[in-house]
Amino acid sequence: MEEPLVSIEWLRENFTDPKLILLDASVKNTIKNIETEYPGIQIKNARFFDIKKSFSDQESDLPNTIPAPKAFTEACRKLGINKDSKIVVYDNLGIYSSPRAWCLFHIMGFQNVAVLDGGLPAWVKNGLRTEPKEVKTYPNGNFTATYQSHLVVDKDDVLKNIAEKKALVLDARSKARFYAEVPEPRTGYRSGHIPNSISLPYSTLLNEGMFLPKPELEKVIGKHNLEETPLIFSCGSGMTACIVLLACALVNTNEKSIYDASWAEWGQENGLPISI
């Protein structure tokens, strides 16, 4: 895919491409309890990309953890994904969980993937074809994951960066959570943010379930003077950090990585420093 984001019109024009695989990366529960207007339908021919189960490490105590490459490979093959597939991912909130799927594919070494801007809501509003959701099976694909370790950091990397300041940590949570003005939605978690991190709420990059136009993204993101500094993306549990990562991918070429455990880890470990 030439761009990490495709439009409804692009998908409509390329819908019959035999190598195209459409993945529904919707999740049932969000941290803000946001509900979709379209719970029982999907874009025609979509395949369900189960972020919470098949594409998360089920052995981890943390939510939405990146699965092992072998598990990712097996789950992709069950969906009929091949090495030469063209993948478009979407979700039923517009832009929410689909960038997470996009990030996972990149972490697993697969570049030919894009997010559908506006997702299912925009598709429906344009009067395009949908179908009821149902469980389906597909001929096994030949997809093979190649883990890209440089795209992921852990708490030790983030802790080291606090002292060295070689990268900027961008926090996708709300400013109220960032500045500890409200309690964390998960019981027992500390409030605040990683020292030296920058608040860039994912919601400031979206409008009605779609990314802002590039000039507006450049304006919002440009306020933080990122220049060519490497970027580390964090949020509550690794989900909305991917929205900010994708937005930055649309407008800059900075080296990018995700702190996958995010505040789900940092906020509960008392030995890790926080700022308010």
Protein backbone atom coordinates (compact mmCIF):
# COMPACT_ATOMS: atom_id res chain seq x y z
CA MET A 1 0.00 0.00 0.00
CA GLU A 2 1.39 3.41 -0.95
CA GLU A 3 -0.23 5.16 2.01
CA PRO A 4 -1.07 3.94 5.53
CA LEU A 5 -4.57 5.41 5.20
CA VAL A 6 -7.11 4.80 2.42
CA SER A 7 -10.43 6.45 1.71
CA ILE A 8 -13.87 4.99 1.25
CA GLU A 9 -13.60 5.84 -2.44
CA TRP A 10 -10.29 3.98 -2.74
CA LEU A 11 -11.79 0.86 -1.18
CA ARG A 12 -14.86 1.06 -3.39
CA GLU A 13 -12.68 1.25 -6.51
CA ASN A 14 -10.39 -1.60 -5.40
CA PHE A 15 -13.02 -3.80 -3.80
CA THR A 16 -12.76 -6.60 -6.36
CA ASP A 17 -8.95 -6.85 -6.30
CA PRO A 18 -8.35 -10.62 -5.80
CA LYS A 19 -5.44 -9.94 -3.44
CA LEU A 20 -7.40 -7.55 -1.24
CA ILE A 21 -8.32 -8.80 2.23
CA LEU A 22 -10.59 -6.65 4.36
CA LEU A 23 -10.22 -7.06 8.12
CA ASP A 24 -12.73 -5.95 10.74
CA ALA A 25 -10.62 -5.04 13.78
CA SER A 26 -13.52 -3.80 15.92
CA VAL A 27 -13.51 -4.36 19.68
CA LYS A 28 -16.55 -4.72 21.90
CA ASN A 29 -15.31 -2.80 24.92
CA THR A 30 -13.48 0.52 25.00
CA ILE A 31 -11.99 2.32 27.98
CA LYS A 32 -14.59 5.09 27.60
CA ASN A 33 -17.43 2.61 27.03
CA ILE A 34 -18.02 4.02 23.56
CA GLU A 35 -20.60 1.99 21.67
CA THR A 36 -20.95 1.56 17.94
CA GLU A 37 -24.12 2.33 16.02
CA TYR A 38 -23.52 -0.79 13.94
CA PRO A 39 -22.95 -3.74 16.31
CA GLY A 40 -24.27 -6.56 14.12
CA ILE A 41 -22.94 -5.80 10.66
CA GLN A 42 -19.67 -5.63 8.78
CA ILE A 43 -18.45 -4.49 5.39
CA LYS A 44 -19.22 -7.19 2.84
CA ASN A 45 -16.54 -9.92 2.71
CA ALA A 46 -14.74 -8.64 5.81
CA ARG A 47 -12.89 -11.09 8.05
CA PHE A 48 -12.81 -10.62 11.82
CA PHE A 49 -9.40 -9.65 13.18
CA ASP A 50 -9.83 -10.48 16.88
CA ILE A 51 -7.47 -8.08 18.64
CA LYS A 52 -8.52 -9.13 22.12
CA LYS A 53 -8.00 -12.88 21.64
CA SER A 54 -6.28 -14.21 18.55
CA PHE A 55 -4.03 -11.17 18.17
CA SER A 56 -3.12 -10.56 21.82
CA ASP A 57 -0.85 -12.56 24.09
CA GLN A 58 -3.29 -14.58 26.19
CA GLU A 59 -0.56 -15.45 28.69
CA SER A 60 0.06 -11.81 29.60
CA ASP A 61 -1.51 -10.14 32.63
CA LEU A 62 -1.66 -6.90 30.64
CA PRO A 63 -4.35 -6.06 28.05
CA ASN A 64 -3.73 -5.97 24.29
CA THR A 65 -0.19 -7.34 24.51
CA ILE A 66 1.61 -8.10 21.25
CA PRO A 67 1.43 -11.86 20.57
CA ALA A 68 4.43 -14.02 19.73
CA PRO A 69 5.30 -14.03 16.01
CA LYS A 70 4.38 -17.72 15.74
CA ALA A 71 0.91 -17.09 17.20
CA PHE A 72 0.44 -14.06 14.94
CA THR A 73 1.47 -16.12 11.92
CA GLU A 74 -0.98 -18.91 12.75
CA ALA A 75 -3.87 -16.51 13.36
CA CYS A 76 -3.21 -14.70 10.06
CA ARG A 77 -3.04 -17.96 8.13
CA LYS A 78 -6.41 -19.00 9.57
CA LEU A 79 -7.83 -15.80 8.09
CA GLY A 80 -6.45 -16.77 4.70
CA ILE A 81 -3.81 -14.03 4.67
CA ASN A 82 -0.92 -14.54 2.27
CA LYS A 83 2.50 -12.99 1.88
CA ASP A 84 1.26 -11.05 -1.15
CA SER A 85 -2.11 -9.98 0.28
CA LYS A 86 -3.20 -6.35 0.26
CA ILE A 87 -4.79 -5.67 3.62
CA VAL A 88 -7.23 -2.95 4.61
CA VAL A 89 -8.29 -2.82 8.26
CA TYR A 90 -11.24 -0.94 9.70
CA ASP A 91 -13.34 -0.76 12.86
CA ASN A 92 -16.94 0.06 13.67
CA LEU A 93 -16.19 3.31 15.52
CA GLY A 94 -14.50 5.01 12.57
CA ILE A 95 -10.96 5.23 13.89
CA TYR A 96 -10.28 3.44 17.16
CA SER A 97 -8.88 -0.11 17.14
CA SER A 98 -7.99 -0.41 13.44
CA PRO A 99 -4.68 1.48 13.83
CA ARG A 100 -3.72 -1.15 16.43
CA ALA A 101 -4.11 -3.86 13.78
CA TRP A 102 -2.08 -1.74 11.35
CA CYS A 103 0.69 -1.40 13.95
CA LEU A 104 0.71 -5.12 14.66
CA PHE A 105 1.24 -5.95 11.01
CA HIS A 106 4.16 -3.52 10.80
CA ILE A 107 5.67 -4.95 13.99
CA MET A 108 5.40 -8.37 12.35
CA GLY A 109 7.24 -7.16 9.26
CA PHE A 110 4.26 -6.77 6.90
CA GLN A 111 4.02 -3.42 5.11
CA ASN A 112 1.21 -3.93 2.61
CA VAL A 113 -1.53 -2.78 4.96
CA ALA A 114 -3.63 0.36 5.37
CA VAL A 115 -6.42 1.67 7.61
CA LEU A 116 -9.80 2.64 6.19
CA ASP A 117 -10.41 6.25 7.16
CA GLY A 118 -13.83 6.54 8.76
CA GLY A 119 -14.26 2.78 8.99
CA LEU A 120 -17.66 1.13 9.01
CA PRO A 121 -19.65 4.30 9.89
CA ALA A 122 -18.32 6.13 6.83
CA TRP A 123 -18.91 3.06 4.64
CA VAL A 124 -22.54 2.81 5.78
CA LYS A 125 -23.16 6.54 5.39
CA ASN A 126 -22.01 6.25 1.77
CA GLY A 127 -24.65 3.59 1.16
CA LEU A 128 -22.16 0.83 0.41
CA ARG A 129 -22.64 -2.92 0.89
CA THR A 130 -22.66 -4.55 4.31
CA GLU A 131 -23.67 -7.97 5.64
CA PRO A 132 -24.51 -9.54 9.01
CA LYS A 133 -21.54 -10.67 11.07
CA GLU A 134 -21.03 -14.42 11.16
CA VAL A 135 -18.26 -16.89 11.94
CA LYS A 136 -16.50 -18.07 8.77
CA THR A 137 -13.53 -20.26 7.88
CA TYR A 138 -11.04 -19.66 5.10
CA PRO A 139 -8.41 -21.66 3.21
CA ASN A 140 -5.09 -21.35 5.06
CA GLY A 141 -2.82 -18.59 3.86
CA ASN A 142 0.98 -18.58 3.73
CA PHE A 143 1.61 -15.43 5.78
CA THR A 144 4.81 -15.46 7.85
CA ALA A 145 5.60 -12.92 10.56
CA THR A 146 9.08 -11.41 10.86
CA TYR A 147 9.25 -9.60 14.18
CA GLN A 148 10.67 -6.06 14.04
CA SER A 149 12.06 -5.56 17.55
CA HIS A 150 13.09 -1.95 16.90
CA LEU A 151 9.42 -0.95 16.65
CA VAL A 152 8.68 -1.93 20.27
CA VAL A 153 10.13 -0.70 23.57
CA ASP A 154 9.66 -1.95 27.12
CA LYS A 155 9.68 -0.26 30.52
CA ASP A 156 13.47 -0.53 30.81
CA ASP A 157 13.90 1.29 27.51
CA VAL A 158 11.50 4.02 28.64
CA LEU A 159 13.18 4.30 32.02
CA LYS A 160 16.58 4.65 30.35
CA ASN A 161 15.18 7.29 28.01
CA ILE A 162 14.01 9.43 30.95
CA ALA A 163 17.67 9.98 31.79
CA GLU A 164 19.12 10.04 28.28
CA LYS A 165 16.29 12.00 26.58
CA LYS A 166 17.09 10.57 23.16
CA ALA A 167 13.43 10.08 22.25
CA LEU A 168 10.16 11.86 22.98
CA VAL A 169 7.35 9.90 24.58
CA LEU A 170 3.92 10.89 23.24
CA ASP A 171 0.99 10.00 25.51
CA ALA A 172 -2.32 9.45 23.71
CA ARG A 173 -4.49 9.55 26.84
CA SER A 174 -6.66 12.56 27.69
CA LYS A 175 -4.99 15.61 29.21
CA ALA A 176 -7.06 15.07 32.36
CA ARG A 177 -5.49 11.63 32.83
CA PHE A 178 -2.06 12.88 31.82
CA TYR A 179 -2.12 15.64 34.46
CA ALA A 180 -3.79 13.45 37.11
CA GLU A 181 -6.90 15.63 37.17
CA VAL A 182 -9.11 12.53 37.10
CA PRO A 183 -8.52 9.03 38.47
CA GLU A 184 -7.42 6.28 36.11
CA PRO A 185 -10.34 4.20 34.78
CA ARG A 186 -8.64 1.01 35.96
CA THR A 187 -8.94 0.52 39.71
CA GLY A 188 -5.71 0.67 41.69
CA TYR A 189 -3.63 2.55 39.12
CA ARG A 190 -1.59 5.64 39.91
CA SER A 191 -2.39 8.89 38.12
CA GLY A 192 -0.01 11.08 36.18
CA HIS A 193 2.40 10.49 33.34
CA ILE A 194 5.86 9.24 32.42
CA PRO A 195 8.44 11.95 33.24
CA ASN A 196 9.40 14.12 30.24
CA SER A 197 6.53 12.75 28.14
CA ILE A 198 4.25 14.96 26.04
CA SER A 199 0.47 14.94 26.04
CA LEU A 200 -0.99 14.38 22.56
CA PRO A 201 -4.53 13.03 23.05
CA TYR A 202 -5.64 10.83 20.18
CA SER A 203 -9.00 12.64 20.12
CA THR A 204 -7.30 15.87 18.98
CA LEU A 205 -6.27 14.12 15.75
CA LEU A 206 -9.75 12.97 14.78
CA ASN A 207 -13.01 14.52 13.66
CA GLU A 208 -16.22 12.48 13.56
CA GLY A 209 -14.39 9.17 13.37
CA MET A 210 -11.91 10.22 10.70
CA PHE A 211 -8.38 11.57 10.78
CA LEU A 212 -8.02 15.30 10.35
CA PRO A 213 -6.80 16.35 6.89
CA LYS A 214 -3.00 16.29 6.61
CA PRO A 215 -2.55 20.07 6.87
CA GLU A 216 -4.50 20.05 10.14
CA LEU A 217 -2.59 17.03 11.44
CA GLU A 218 0.65 18.83 10.64
CA LYS A 219 -0.57 21.85 12.57
CA VAL A 220 -1.63 19.89 15.67
CA ILE A 221 1.42 17.64 15.73
CA GLY A 222 3.78 20.45 14.70
CA LYS A 223 3.01 22.37 17.90
CA HIS A 224 5.24 19.91 19.74
CA ASN A 225 8.39 20.64 17.68
CA LEU A 226 9.13 16.97 17.11
CA GLU A 227 11.66 17.67 14.34
CA GLU A 228 13.55 14.41 13.63
CA THR A 229 13.56 13.18 17.23
CA PRO A 230 12.74 9.47 17.65
CA LEU A 231 9.22 9.00 19.02
CA ILE A 232 7.83 6.52 21.54
CA PHE A 233 4.05 6.16 21.69
CA SER A 234 2.15 5.31 24.86
CA CYS A 235 -1.44 5.33 26.12
CA GLY A 236 -3.50 3.31 28.60
CA SER A 237 -3.04 -0.16 27.14
CA GLY A 238 -1.38 0.12 23.74
CA MET A 239 -4.56 0.74 21.74
CA THR A 240 -4.96 4.48 21.20
CA ALA A 241 -1.19 5.01 21.08
CA CYS A 242 -1.45 3.42 17.65
CA ILE A 243 -3.85 6.16 16.52
CA VAL A 244 -1.26 8.81 17.35
CA LEU A 245 1.50 6.70 15.79
CA LEU A 246 -0.45 6.41 12.54
CA ALA A 247 -1.23 10.13 12.53
CA CYS A 248 2.48 10.89 12.90
CA ALA A 249 3.28 8.39 10.15
CA LEU A 250 1.04 10.41 7.85
CA VAL A 251 2.98 13.64 8.36
CA ASN A 252 6.54 12.93 9.47
CA THR A 253 9.40 10.48 9.04
CA ASN A 254 10.64 10.29 12.62
CA GLU A 255 11.79 6.91 13.92
CA LYS A 256 8.77 5.44 15.73
CA SER A 257 8.23 2.75 18.34
CA ILE A 258 5.45 1.78 20.73
CA TYR A 259 5.62 1.20 24.46
CA ASP A 260 3.21 -1.68 24.24
CA ALA A 261 2.51 -2.16 27.96
CA SER A 262 1.90 1.59 28.34
CA TRP A 263 0.15 2.88 31.48
CA ALA A 264 -1.33 -0.57 32.13
CA GLU A 265 2.18 -1.44 33.32
CA TRP A 266 3.71 1.91 34.26
CA GLY A 267 0.74 3.03 36.33
CA GLN A 268 0.69 -0.01 38.58
CA GLU A 269 4.39 -0.51 39.32
CA ASN A 270 5.28 1.70 42.26
CA GLY A 271 8.98 1.55 41.50
CA LEU A 272 8.55 3.47 38.24
CA PRO A 273 8.67 7.29 38.40
CA ILE A 274 5.69 9.45 37.51
CA SER A 275 5.10 13.15 37.03
CA ILE A 276 1.94 15.14 37.64
